């Protein structure tokens, strides 16, 4: 919130500076025009002017002057950007005639001053910033959250972004990481989604019929077909399995506690190959993870300074 307030102050400063610059530039334009043409009498329409009057000016002339003025003032990025925005804000369709540049300028400068000093401009800026921040937050969260669909076998999220009709997961987890275990023995499930045992197994569909993997997906999860793509066949899956084994060896203590009554099952060969005593998690780390998750859900979490 403090950052938003600071950003709003900077935006207000730039907007008010643009209004003041506009008032200053049109004043210079009016003085230049008055030196070359006399002021018309009172009662003359400052827009329509007299039909028989001499050469009249238009909003297009003012726009051209703003562009020319930008080339004459000391060059710096802020000033050049302010002039560019002023010229762009005057629409091409606004090409009406100006009979009296001085009277036109006085009226416009008075309106600019009234508007810039009123609370209306700050209120409008605050509303626009709030709306932009909400839209940006929604967009950012949609990118962080990604697709809401999960792999029907291991529960890992679809990692495709943007609009898509087919779902895919590049890095499947062992089902054990989501708490899946054998219903009879309680042993954790290490069947990787792209492994041979998984592809050759049968699965119960929503209609109660047990089918092979492709038929099971076609029946209940057609948007996950094709389930295996070329990258999955090029050895990336085997590499992921090695990482998953290492992760299970070093994270299983808090996971077993969390997914109780899951039974402790870890091949000795995995322990010999992957166990890292200085990095392995313990049951004590489970509470710290729960606290972090709770703060994230309550929007009270902030990264540490480490």
C-alpha atoms as a PDB file:
ATOM      1  CA  UNK A   1       0.000   0.000   0.000  1.00  0.00           C
ATOM      2  CA  UNK A   2       2.916   2.364   0.739  1.00  0.00           C
ATOM      3  CA  UNK A   3       4.341   1.619  -2.709  1.00  0.00           C
ATOM      4  CA  UNK A   4       0.957   2.340  -4.314  1.00  0.00           C
ATOM      5  CA  UNK A   5       0.767   5.678  -2.512  1.00  0.00           C
ATOM      6  CA  UNK A   6       4.242   6.614  -3.697  1.00  0.00           C
ATOM      7  CA  UNK A   7       3.433   5.614  -7.276  1.00  0.00           C
ATOM      8  CA  UNK A   8       0.199   7.604  -7.175  1.00  0.00           C
ATOM      9  CA  UNK A   9       2.096  10.686  -5.997  1.00  0.00           C
ATOM     10  CA  UNK A  10       4.542  10.369  -8.880  1.00  0.00           C
ATOM     11  CA  UNK A  11       1.724   9.977 -11.393  1.00  0.00           C
ATOM     12  CA  UNK A  12      -0.111  12.994  -9.966  1.00  0.00           C
ATOM     13  CA  UNK A  13       3.074  15.045 -10.242  1.00  0.00           C
ATOM     14  CA  UNK A  14       3.552  14.100 -13.886  1.00  0.00           C
ATOM     15  CA  UNK A  15      -0.076  14.737 -14.814  1.00  0.00           C
ATOM     16  CA  UNK A  16      -0.180  18.114 -13.089  1.00  0.00           C
ATOM     17  CA  UNK A  17       3.141  18.978 -14.697  1.00  0.00           C
ATOM     18  CA  UNK A  18       1.644  18.162 -18.108  1.00  0.00           C
ATOM     19  CA  UNK A  19      -1.317  20.481 -17.446  1.00  0.00           C
ATOM     20  CA  UNK A  20       0.981  23.289 -16.341  1.00  0.00           C
ATOM     21  CA  UNK A  21       3.151  22.756 -19.405  1.00  0.00           C
ATOM     22  CA  UNK A  22       0.087  22.914 -21.644  1.00  0.00           C
ATOM     23  CA  UNK A  23      -1.029  26.174 -20.067  1.00  0.00           C
ATOM     24  CA  UNK A  24       2.466  27.621 -20.500  1.00  0.00           C
ATOM     25  CA  UNK A  25       2.840  26.536 -24.131  1.00  0.00           C
ATOM     26  CA  UNK A  26      -0.560  27.810 -25.277  1.00  0.00           C
ATOM     27  CA  UNK A  27       0.227  31.109 -23.550  1.00  0.00           C
ATOM     28  CA  UNK A  28       3.400  31.428 -25.596  1.00  0.00           C
ATOM     29  CA  UNK A  29       1.484  30.470 -28.734  1.00  0.00           C
ATOM     30  CA  UNK A  30      -1.158  33.140 -28.047  1.00  0.00           C
ATOM     31  CA  UNK A  31       1.471  35.846 -27.487  1.00  0.00           C
ATOM     32  CA  UNK A  32       3.145  34.944 -30.758  1.00  0.00           C
ATOM     33  CA  UNK A  33      -0.143  35.043 -32.645  1.00  0.00           C
ATOM     34  CA  UNK A  34      -1.195  38.363 -31.133  1.00  0.00           C
ATOM     35  CA  UNK A  35       1.964  40.036 -32.348  1.00  0.00           C
ATOM     36  CA  UNK A  36       1.052  39.192 -35.926  1.00  0.00           C
ATOM     37  CA  UNK A  37      -2.738  39.834 -35.886  1.00  0.00           C
ATOM     38  CA  UNK A  38      -4.925  42.361 -34.002  1.00  0.00           C
ATOM     39  CA  UNK A  39      -7.388  41.234 -31.369  1.00  0.00           C
ATOM     40  CA  UNK A  40     -11.019  41.124 -32.513  1.00  0.00           C
ATOM     41  CA  UNK A  41     -13.651  43.150 -30.688  1.00  0.00           C
ATOM     42  CA  UNK A  42     -15.771  41.991 -27.807  1.00  0.00           C
ATOM     43  CA  UNK A  43     -18.817  39.884 -28.547  1.00  0.00           C
ATOM     44  CA  UNK A  44     -17.101  37.909 -31.301  1.00  0.00           C
ATOM     45  CA  UNK A  45     -17.379  34.124 -31.041  1.00  0.00           C
ATOM     46  CA  UNK A  46     -13.863  32.941 -30.198  1.00  0.00           C
ATOM     47  CA  UNK A  47     -14.405  29.778 -32.203  1.00  0.00           C
ATOM     48  CA  UNK A  48     -16.430  30.905 -35.227  1.00  0.00           C
ATOM     49  CA  UNK A  49     -15.062  34.439 -35.480  1.00  0.00           C
ATOM     50  CA  UNK A  50     -16.150  36.947 -38.119  1.00  0.00           C
ATOM     51  CA  UNK A  51     -16.849  35.743 -41.642  1.00  0.00           C
ATOM     52  CA  UNK A  52     -14.955  38.657 -43.053  1.00  0.00           C
ATOM     53  CA  UNK A  53     -11.994  38.443 -40.701  1.00  0.00           C
ATOM     54  CA  UNK A  54      -8.489  37.874 -41.926  1.00  0.00           C
ATOM     55  CA  UNK A  55      -6.390  34.768 -41.552  1.00  0.00           C
ATOM     56  CA  UNK A  56      -7.643  32.720 -38.602  1.00  0.00           C
ATOM     57  CA  UNK A  57      -5.846  30.127 -36.531  1.00  0.00           C
ATOM     58  CA  UNK A  58      -6.978  26.633 -35.686  1.00  0.00           C
ATOM     59  CA  UNK A  59      -6.345  23.922 -33.144  1.00  0.00           C
ATOM     60  CA  UNK A  60      -4.119  22.261 -35.728  1.00  0.00           C
ATOM     61  CA  UNK A  61      -1.855  25.328 -35.617  1.00  0.00           C
ATOM     62  CA  UNK A  62      -1.659  24.988 -31.831  1.00  0.00           C
ATOM     63  CA  UNK A  63      -0.767  21.314 -32.161  1.00  0.00           C
ATOM     64  CA  UNK A  64       1.962  22.106 -34.678  1.00  0.00           C
ATOM     65  CA  UNK A  65       3.301  24.798 -32.350  1.00  0.00           C
ATOM     66  CA  UNK A  66       3.514  22.324 -29.464  1.00  0.00           C
ATOM     67  CA  UNK A  67       5.536  19.974 -31.661  1.00  0.00           C
ATOM     68  CA  UNK A  68       7.824  22.802 -32.806  1.00  0.00           C
ATOM     69  CA  UNK A  69       8.197  24.087 -29.259  1.00  0.00           C
ATOM     70  CA  UNK A  70       9.412  20.655 -28.173  1.00  0.00           C
ATOM     71  CA  UNK A  71      12.288  20.995 -30.619  1.00  0.00           C
ATOM     72  CA  UNK A  72      13.300  24.389 -29.230  1.00  0.00           C
ATOM     73  CA  UNK A  73      13.261  23.751 -25.478  1.00  0.00           C
ATOM     74  CA  UNK A  74      16.273  22.221 -23.693  1.00  0.00           C
ATOM     75  CA  UNK A  75      16.306  18.533 -24.526  1.00  0.00           C
ATOM     76  CA  UNK A  76      15.680  15.985 -21.810  1.00  0.00           C
ATOM     77  CA  UNK A  77      13.640  12.821 -21.784  1.00  0.00           C
ATOM     78  CA  UNK A  78      10.856  14.066 -19.476  1.00  0.00           C
ATOM     79  CA  UNK A  79      10.269  17.298 -21.375  1.00  0.00           C
ATOM     80  CA  UNK A  80      10.285  15.590 -24.763  1.00  0.00           C
ATOM     81  CA  UNK A  81       7.843  12.942 -23.527  1.00  0.00           C
ATOM     82  CA  UNK A  82       5.533  15.594 -22.063  1.00  0.00           C
ATOM     83  CA  UNK A  83       5.415  17.512 -25.364  1.00  0.00           C
ATOM     84  CA  UNK A  84       4.811  14.321 -27.310  1.00  0.00           C
ATOM     85  CA  UNK A  85       1.889  13.379 -25.087  1.00  0.00           C
ATOM     86  CA  UNK A  86       0.387  16.878 -25.322  1.00  0.00           C
ATOM     87  CA  UNK A  87       0.479  16.797 -29.112  1.00  0.00           C
ATOM     88  CA  UNK A  88      -1.032  13.312 -29.199  1.00  0.00           C
ATOM     89  CA  UNK A  89      -3.851  14.255 -26.823  1.00  0.00           C
ATOM     90  CA  UNK A  90      -5.169  16.849 -29.276  1.00  0.00           C
ATOM     91  CA  UNK A  91      -7.269  14.707 -31.630  1.00  0.00           C
ATOM     92  CA  UNK A  92      -6.940  15.085 -35.381  1.00  0.00           C
ATOM     93  CA  UNK A  93     -10.678  15.807 -35.619  1.00  0.00           C
ATOM     94  CA  UNK A  94     -10.293  18.900 -33.415  1.00  0.00           C
ATOM     95  CA  UNK A  95      -9.461  21.278 -36.272  1.00  0.00           C
ATOM     96  CA  UNK A  96     -11.923  24.090 -35.587  1.00  0.00           C
ATOM     97  CA  UNK A  97     -11.041  27.705 -36.226  1.00  0.00           C
ATOM     98  CA  UNK A  98      -9.886  30.091 -33.480  1.00  0.00           C
ATOM     99  CA  UNK A  99     -10.830  33.708 -34.150  1.00  0.00           C
ATOM    100  CA  UNK A 100      -9.091  35.213 -31.102  1.00  0.00           C
ATOM    101  CA  UNK A 101      -6.047  33.257 -29.836  1.00  0.00           C
ATOM    102  CA  UNK A 102      -5.745  35.486 -26.743  1.00  0.00           C
ATOM    103  CA  UNK A 103      -9.344  35.023 -25.632  1.00  0.00           C
ATOM    104  CA  UNK A 104      -9.205  31.317 -26.486  1.00  0.00           C
ATOM    105  CA  UNK A 105      -6.031  30.959 -24.424  1.00  0.00           C
ATOM    106  CA  UNK A 106      -7.429  32.845 -21.438  1.00  0.00           C
ATOM    107  CA  UNK A 107     -10.499  30.622 -21.393  1.00  0.00           C
ATOM    108  CA  UNK A 108      -8.548  27.402 -21.824  1.00  0.00           C
ATOM    109  CA  UNK A 109      -5.921  28.347 -19.216  1.00  0.00           C
ATOM    110  CA  UNK A 110      -8.669  29.169 -16.709  1.00  0.00           C
ATOM    111  CA  UNK A 111     -10.282  25.798 -17.311  1.00  0.00           C
ATOM    112  CA  UNK A 112      -6.946  23.986 -16.975  1.00  0.00           C
ATOM    113  CA  UNK A 113      -6.211  25.800 -13.707  1.00  0.00           C
ATOM    114  CA  UNK A 114      -9.648  25.023 -12.278  1.00  0.00           C
ATOM    115  CA  UNK A 115      -9.363  21.377 -13.223  1.00  0.00           C
ATOM    116  CA  UNK A 116      -5.773  20.871 -12.013  1.00  0.00           C
ATOM    117  CA  UNK A 117      -6.527  22.483  -8.642  1.00  0.00           C
ATOM    118  CA  UNK A 118      -9.754  20.595  -8.038  1.00  0.00           C
ATOM    119  CA  UNK A 119      -9.940  17.273  -6.127  1.00  0.00           C
ATOM    120  CA  UNK A 120     -11.527  15.721  -9.234  1.00  0.00           C
ATOM    121  CA  UNK A 121      -8.209  15.011 -10.919  1.00  0.00           C
ATOM    122  CA  UNK A 122      -6.763  13.245  -7.879  1.00  0.00           C
ATOM    123  CA  UNK A 123      -9.919  11.201  -7.458  1.00  0.00           C
ATOM    124  CA  UNK A 124      -9.894  10.161 -11.117  1.00  0.00           C
ATOM    125  CA  UNK A 125      -6.208   9.230 -10.938  1.00  0.00           C
ATOM    126  CA  UNK A 126      -6.789   7.166  -7.799  1.00  0.00           C
ATOM    127  CA  UNK A 127      -9.680   5.330  -9.457  1.00  0.00           C
ATOM    128  CA  UNK A 128      -7.652   4.633 -12.605  1.00  0.00           C
ATOM    129  CA  UNK A 129      -4.659   3.402 -10.612  1.00  0.00           C
ATOM    130  CA  UNK A 130      -6.819   1.128  -8.480  1.00  0.00           C
ATOM    131  CA  UNK A 131      -8.490  -0.294 -11.578  1.00  0.00           C
ATOM    132  CA  UNK A 132      -5.153  -0.808 -13.340  1.00  0.00           C
ATOM    133  CA  UNK A 133      -3.659  -2.475 -10.251  1.00  0.00           C
ATOM    134  CA  UNK A 134      -6.619  -4.833  -9.960  1.00  0.00           C
ATOM    135  CA  UNK A 135      -6.317  -5.806 -13.608  1.00  0.00           C
ATOM    136  CA  UNK A 136      -2.563  -6.273 -13.253  1.00  0.00           C
ATOM    137  CA  UNK A 137      -3.055  -8.378 -10.120  1.00  0.00           C
ATOM    138  CA  UNK A 138      -5.544 -10.627 -11.895  1.00  0.00           C
ATOM    139  CA  UNK A 139      -3.188 -11.057 -14.843  1.00  0.00           C
ATOM    140  CA  UNK A 140      -0.198 -11.740 -12.595  1.00  0.00           C
ATOM    141  CA  UNK A 141      -2.128 -14.249 -10.497  1.00  0.00           C
ATOM    142  CA  UNK A 142      -3.388 -16.051 -13.597  1.00  0.00           C
ATOM    143  CA  UNK A 143       0.222 -16.466 -14.732  1.00  0.00           C
ATOM    144  CA  UNK A 144       1.350 -17.631 -11.297  1.00  0.00           C
ATOM    145  CA  UNK A 145      -1.581 -19.973 -10.845  1.00  0.00           C
ATOM    146  CA  UNK A 146      -1.481 -21.263 -14.409  1.00  0.00           C
ATOM    147  CA  UNK A 147      -3.982 -23.799 -15.650  1.00  0.00           C
ATOM    148  CA  UNK A 148      -6.228 -25.226 -12.934  1.00  0.00           C
ATOM    149  CA  UNK A 149      -6.364 -28.724 -14.444  1.00  0.00           C
ATOM    150  CA  UNK A 150      -4.401 -31.568 -12.826  1.00  0.00           C
ATOM    151  CA  UNK A 151      -2.934 -34.747 -14.245  1.00  0.00           C
ATOM    152  CA  UNK A 152      -5.553 -37.485 -13.749  1.00  0.00           C
ATOM    153  CA  UNK A 153      -2.831 -39.941 -12.671  1.00  0.00           C
ATOM    154  CA  UNK A 154      -0.470 -38.094 -10.327  1.00  0.00           C
ATOM    155  CA  UNK A 155      -2.309 -34.834  -9.629  1.00  0.00           C
ATOM    156  CA  UNK A 156       0.438 -32.527 -10.961  1.00  0.00           C
ATOM    157  CA  UNK A 157      -0.777 -29.282 -12.528  1.00  0.00           C
ATOM    158  CA  UNK A 158      -1.013 -28.712 -16.239  1.00  0.00           C
ATOM    159  CA  UNK A 159       1.911 -26.381 -17.001  1.00  0.00           C
ATOM    160  CA  UNK A 160       0.593 -24.829 -20.213  1.00  0.00           C
ATOM    161  CA  UNK A 161      -0.122 -21.097 -20.111  1.00  0.00           C
ATOM    162  CA  UNK A 162      -2.619 -19.030 -22.038  1.00  0.00           C
ATOM    163  CA  UNK A 163      -5.683 -20.370 -23.771  1.00  0.00           C
ATOM    164  CA  UNK A 164      -5.398 -24.053 -24.660  1.00  0.00           C
ATOM    165  CA  UNK A 165      -7.777 -26.923 -25.378  1.00  0.00           C
ATOM    166  CA  UNK A 166      -5.353 -29.768 -24.579  1.00  0.00           C
ATOM    167  CA  UNK A 167      -3.631 -30.191 -21.237  1.00  0.00           C
ATOM    168  CA  UNK A 168      -0.106 -31.403 -20.638  1.00  0.00           C
ATOM    169  CA  UNK A 169       2.298 -31.767 -17.729  1.00  0.00           C
ATOM    170  CA  UNK A 170       6.026 -31.713 -18.462  1.00  0.00           C
ATOM    171  CA  UNK A 171       7.140 -32.870 -15.024  1.00  0.00           C
ATOM    172  CA  UNK A 172       5.010 -35.491 -13.328  1.00  0.00           C
ATOM    173  CA  UNK A 173       5.452 -36.302  -9.641  1.00  0.00           C
ATOM    174  CA  UNK A 174       5.329 -39.648  -7.968  1.00  0.00           C
ATOM    175  CA  UNK A 175       1.719 -39.988  -6.775  1.00  0.00           C
ATOM    176  CA  UNK A 176       3.161 -40.428  -3.281  1.00  0.00           C
ATOM    177  CA  UNK A 177       3.986 -36.711  -3.188  1.00  0.00           C
ATOM    178  CA  UNK A 178       0.227 -36.089  -3.304  1.00  0.00           C
ATOM    179  CA  UNK A 179      -0.481 -38.703  -0.628  1.00  0.00           C
ATOM    180  CA  UNK A 180      -1.465 -41.585  -2.906  1.00  0.00           C
ATOM    181  CA  UNK A 181      -0.778 -44.993  -1.406  1.00  0.00           C
ATOM    182  CA  UNK A 182      -1.822 -48.605  -1.741  1.00  0.00           C
ATOM    183  CA  UNK A 183      -5.200 -48.964  -0.050  1.00  0.00           C
ATOM    184  CA  UNK A 184      -4.264 -52.339   1.419  1.00  0.00           C
ATOM    185  CA  UNK A 185      -0.642 -51.896   2.497  1.00  0.00           C
ATOM    186  CA  UNK A 186      -0.370 -48.107   2.858  1.00  0.00           C
ATOM    187  CA  UNK A 187       2.826 -48.150   0.787  1.00  0.00           C
ATOM    188  CA  UNK A 188       3.497 -44.947  -1.167  1.00  0.00           C
ATOM    189  CA  UNK A 189       2.937 -45.039  -4.903  1.00  0.00           C
ATOM    190  CA  UNK A 190       6.083 -44.562  -7.007  1.00  0.00           C
ATOM    191  CA  UNK A 191       4.494 -45.335 -10.373  1.00  0.00           C
ATOM    192  CA  UNK A 192       5.653 -42.534 -12.611  1.00  0.00           C
ATOM    193  CA  UNK A 193       3.023 -41.420 -15.110  1.00  0.00           C
ATOM    194  CA  UNK A 194       5.298 -42.095 -18.071  1.00  0.00           C
ATOM    195  CA  UNK A 195       6.629 -45.430 -16.836  1.00  0.00           C
ATOM    196  CA  UNK A 196       5.899 -48.812 -18.437  1.00  0.00           C
ATOM    197  CA  UNK A 197       3.876 -50.059 -15.465  1.00  0.00           C
ATOM    198  CA  UNK A 198       1.622 -47.031 -15.689  1.00  0.00           C
ATOM    199  CA  UNK A 199       1.065 -47.371 -19.418  1.00  0.00           C
ATOM    200  CA  UNK A 200       0.301 -51.092 -19.099  1.00  0.00           C
ATOM    201  CA  UNK A 201      -2.024 -50.762 -16.104  1.00  0.00           C
ATOM    202  CA  UNK A 202      -5.811 -50.563 -16.032  1.00  0.00           C
ATOM    203  CA  UNK A 203      -7.870 -47.790 -14.489  1.00  0.00           C
ATOM    204  CA  UNK A 204     -11.412 -47.518 -13.251  1.00  0.00           C
ATOM    205  CA  UNK A 205     -13.462 -45.095 -15.316  1.00  0.00           C
ATOM    206  CA  UNK A 206     -16.344 -43.009 -14.034  1.00  0.00           C
ATOM    207  CA  UNK A 207     -18.785 -45.572 -15.443  1.00  0.00           C
ATOM    208  CA  UNK A 208     -17.210 -48.305 -13.284  1.00  0.00           C
ATOM    209  CA  UNK A 209     -15.462 -50.072 -16.167  1.00  0.00           C
ATOM    210  CA  UNK A 210     -11.719 -50.787 -15.911  1.00  0.00           C
ATOM    211  CA  UNK A 211      -9.830 -49.771 -19.049  1.00  0.00           C
ATOM    212  CA  UNK A 212      -6.280 -49.387 -20.377  1.00  0.00           C
ATOM    213  CA  UNK A 213      -4.629 -45.999 -19.977  1.00  0.00           C
ATOM    214  CA  UNK A 214      -5.458 -44.584 -23.421  1.00  0.00           C
ATOM    215  CA  UNK A 215      -9.054 -45.762 -23.221  1.00  0.00           C
ATOM    216  CA  UNK A 216      -9.363 -44.482 -19.668  1.00  0.00           C
ATOM    217  CA  UNK A 217      -8.167 -41.022 -20.688  1.00  0.00           C
ATOM    218  CA  UNK A 218     -10.311 -41.014 -23.817  1.00  0.00           C
ATOM    219  CA  UNK A 219     -13.355 -41.883 -21.714  1.00  0.00           C
ATOM    220  CA  UNK A 220     -12.913 -39.517 -18.759  1.00  0.00           C
ATOM    221  CA  UNK A 221     -10.138 -37.029 -19.615  1.00  0.00           C
ATOM    222  CA  UNK A 222     -10.004 -36.545 -23.400  1.00  0.00           C
ATOM    223  CA  UNK A 223      -8.360 -33.131 -23.032  1.00  0.00           C
ATOM    224  CA  UNK A 224      -5.231 -34.890 -21.705  1.00  0.00           C
ATOM    225  CA  UNK A 225      -4.652 -36.747 -24.976  1.00  0.00           C
ATOM    226  CA  UNK A 226      -2.085 -37.261 -26.348  1.00  0.00           C
ATOM    227  CA  UNK A 227      -0.672 -38.045 -22.910  1.00  0.00           C
ATOM    228  CA  UNK A 228       2.931 -38.578 -24.058  1.00  0.00           C
ATOM    229  CA  UNK A 229       4.683 -36.182 -26.447  1.00  0.00           C
ATOM    230  CA  UNK A 230       8.082 -36.287 -28.142  1.00  0.00           C
ATOM    231  CA  UNK A 231       9.944 -34.605 -25.258  1.00  0.00           C
ATOM    232  CA  UNK A 232       8.582 -37.226 -22.878  1.00  0.00           C
ATOM    233  CA  UNK A 233       9.960 -39.942 -25.130  1.00  0.00           C
ATOM    234  CA  UNK A 234      13.386 -38.307 -25.481  1.00  0.00           C
ATOM    235  CA  UNK A 235      14.647 -39.287 -22.025  1.00  0.00           C
ATOM    236  CA  UNK A 236      13.374 -36.306 -20.040  1.00  0.00           C
ATOM    237  CA  UNK A 237      11.025 -38.556 -18.108  1.00  0.00           C
ATOM    238  CA  UNK A 238      13.870 -40.791 -16.952  1.00  0.00           C
ATOM    239  CA  UNK A 239      15.797 -37.750 -15.785  1.00  0.00           C
ATOM    240  CA  UNK A 240      12.743 -36.585 -13.827  1.00  0.00           C
ATOM    241  CA  UNK A 241      12.499 -39.977 -12.156  1.00  0.00           C
ATOM    242  CA  UNK A 242      16.048 -39.575 -10.825  1.00  0.00           C
ATOM    243  CA  UNK A 243      15.168 -36.174  -9.387  1.00  0.00           C
ATOM    244  CA  UNK A 244      11.969 -37.536  -7.841  1.00  0.00           C
ATOM    245  CA  UNK A 245      13.803 -40.384  -6.159  1.00  0.00           C
ATOM    246  CA  UNK A 246      16.291 -37.935  -4.663  1.00  0.00           C
ATOM    247  CA  UNK A 247      13.451 -35.670  -3.526  1.00  0.00           C
ATOM    248  CA  UNK A 248      11.583 -38.545  -1.885  1.00  0.00           C
ATOM    249  CA  UNK A 249      14.656 -39.767  -0.035  1.00  0.00           C
ATOM    250  CA  UNK A 250      15.325 -36.336   1.450  1.00  0.00           C
ATOM    251  CA  UNK A 251      11.735 -35.171   1.999  1.00  0.00           C
ATOM    252  CA  UNK A 252       9.935 -38.331   3.044  1.00  0.00           C
ATOM    253  CA  UNK A 253       9.974 -37.809   6.841  1.00  0.00           C
ATOM    254  CA  UNK A 254       7.651 -34.762   6.900  1.00  0.00           C
ATOM    255  CA  UNK A 255       5.594 -36.224   4.020  1.00  0.00           C
ATOM    256  CA  UNK A 256       4.998 -39.476   5.896  1.00  0.00           C
ATOM    257  CA  UNK A 257       3.954 -37.460   8.939  1.00  0.00           C
ATOM    258  CA  UNK A 258       1.582 -35.331   6.875  1.00  0.00           C
ATOM    259  CA  UNK A 259       0.070 -38.264   4.921  1.00  0.00           C
ATOM    260  CA  UNK A 260      -0.214 -40.590   7.912  1.00  0.00           C
ATOM    261  CA  UNK A 261      -0.942 -43.551   7.906  1.00  0.00           C
ATOM    262  CA  UNK A 262       1.268 -43.828   4.804  1.00  0.00           C
ATOM    263  CA  UNK A 263       3.892 -46.519   5.441  1.00  0.00           C
ATOM    264  CA  UNK A 264       7.595 -45.763   5.225  1.00  0.00           C
ATOM    265  CA  UNK A 265       8.928 -47.358   2.063  1.00  0.00           C
ATOM    266  CA  UNK A 266      12.167 -46.294   0.425  1.00  0.00           C
ATOM    267  CA  UNK A 267      14.505 -48.641  -1.475  1.00  0.00           C
ATOM    268  CA  UNK A 268      17.954 -48.867   0.071  1.00  0.00           C
ATOM    269  CA  UNK A 269      19.552 -48.191  -3.304  1.00  0.00           C
ATOM    270  CA  UNK A 270      17.802 -44.826  -3.417  1.00  0.00           C
ATOM    271  CA  UNK A 271      19.108 -43.923   0.028  1.00  0.00           C
ATOM    272  CA  UNK A 272      22.641 -44.877  -0.925  1.00  0.00           C
ATOM    273  CA  UNK A 273      22.515 -42.831  -4.118  1.00  0.00           C
ATOM    274  CA  UNK A 274      20.621 -39.732  -3.060  1.00  0.00           C
ATOM    275  CA  UNK A 275      20.565 -39.194   0.705  1.00  0.00           C
ATOM    276  CA  UNK A 276      22.056 -35.826   1.778  1.00  0.00           C
ATOM    277  CA  UNK A 277      22.245 -35.665   5.577  1.00  0.00           C
ATOM    278  CA  UNK A 278      22.861 -31.888   5.648  1.00  0.00           C
ATOM    279  CA  UNK A 279      19.859 -31.106   3.437  1.00  0.00           C
ATOM    280  CA  UNK A 280      17.326 -33.798   4.282  1.00  0.00           C
ATOM    281  CA  UNK A 281      14.116 -32.543   5.875  1.00  0.00           C
ATOM    282  CA  UNK A 282      12.794 -33.739   9.205  1.00  0.00           C
ATOM    283  CA  UNK A 283       9.388 -33.785  10.896  1.00  0.00           C
ATOM    284  CA  UNK A 284      10.211 -30.423  12.456  1.00  0.00           C
ATOM    285  CA  UNK A 285      10.186 -28.839   8.987  1.00  0.00           C
ATOM    286  CA  UNK A 286       6.533 -29.798   8.521  1.00  0.00           C
ATOM    287  CA  UNK A 287       5.267 -27.165  10.940  1.00  0.00           C
ATOM    288  CA  UNK A 288       7.363 -24.458   9.275  1.00  0.00           C
ATOM    289  CA  UNK A 289       5.868 -25.404   5.901  1.00  0.00           C
ATOM    290  CA  UNK A 290       2.342 -25.303   7.340  1.00  0.00           C
ATOM    291  CA  UNK A 291       2.987 -21.860   8.828  1.00  0.00           C
ATOM    292  CA  UNK A 292       4.217 -20.552   5.479  1.00  0.00           C
ATOM    293  CA  UNK A 293       1.193 -21.952   3.650  1.00  0.00           C
ATOM    294  CA  UNK A 294      -1.132 -20.431   6.253  1.00  0.00           C
ATOM    295  CA  UNK A 295       0.472 -16.992   5.823  1.00  0.00           C
ATOM    296  CA  UNK A 296       0.218 -17.279   2.046  1.00  0.00           C
ATOM    297  CA  UNK A 297      -3.485 -18.040   2.289  1.00  0.00           C
ATOM    298  CA  UNK A 298      -3.997 -15.148   4.705  1.00  0.00           C
ATOM    299  CA  UNK A 299      -1.939 -12.808   2.485  1.00  0.00           C
ATOM    300  CA  UNK A 300       0.451 -12.100   5.361  1.00  0.00           C
ATOM    301  CA  UNK A 301       3.568 -13.804   4.019  1.00  0.00           C
ATOM    302  CA  UNK A 302       6.631 -11.797   3.032  1.00  0.00           C
ATOM    303  CA  UNK A 303      10.058 -13.046   1.911  1.00  0.00           C
ATOM    304  CA  UNK A 304      12.843 -12.952   4.457  1.00  0.00           C
ATOM    305  CA  UNK A 305      15.824 -10.632   4.123  1.00  0.00           C
ATOM    306  CA  UNK A 306      18.227 -13.548   3.804  1.00  0.00           C
END
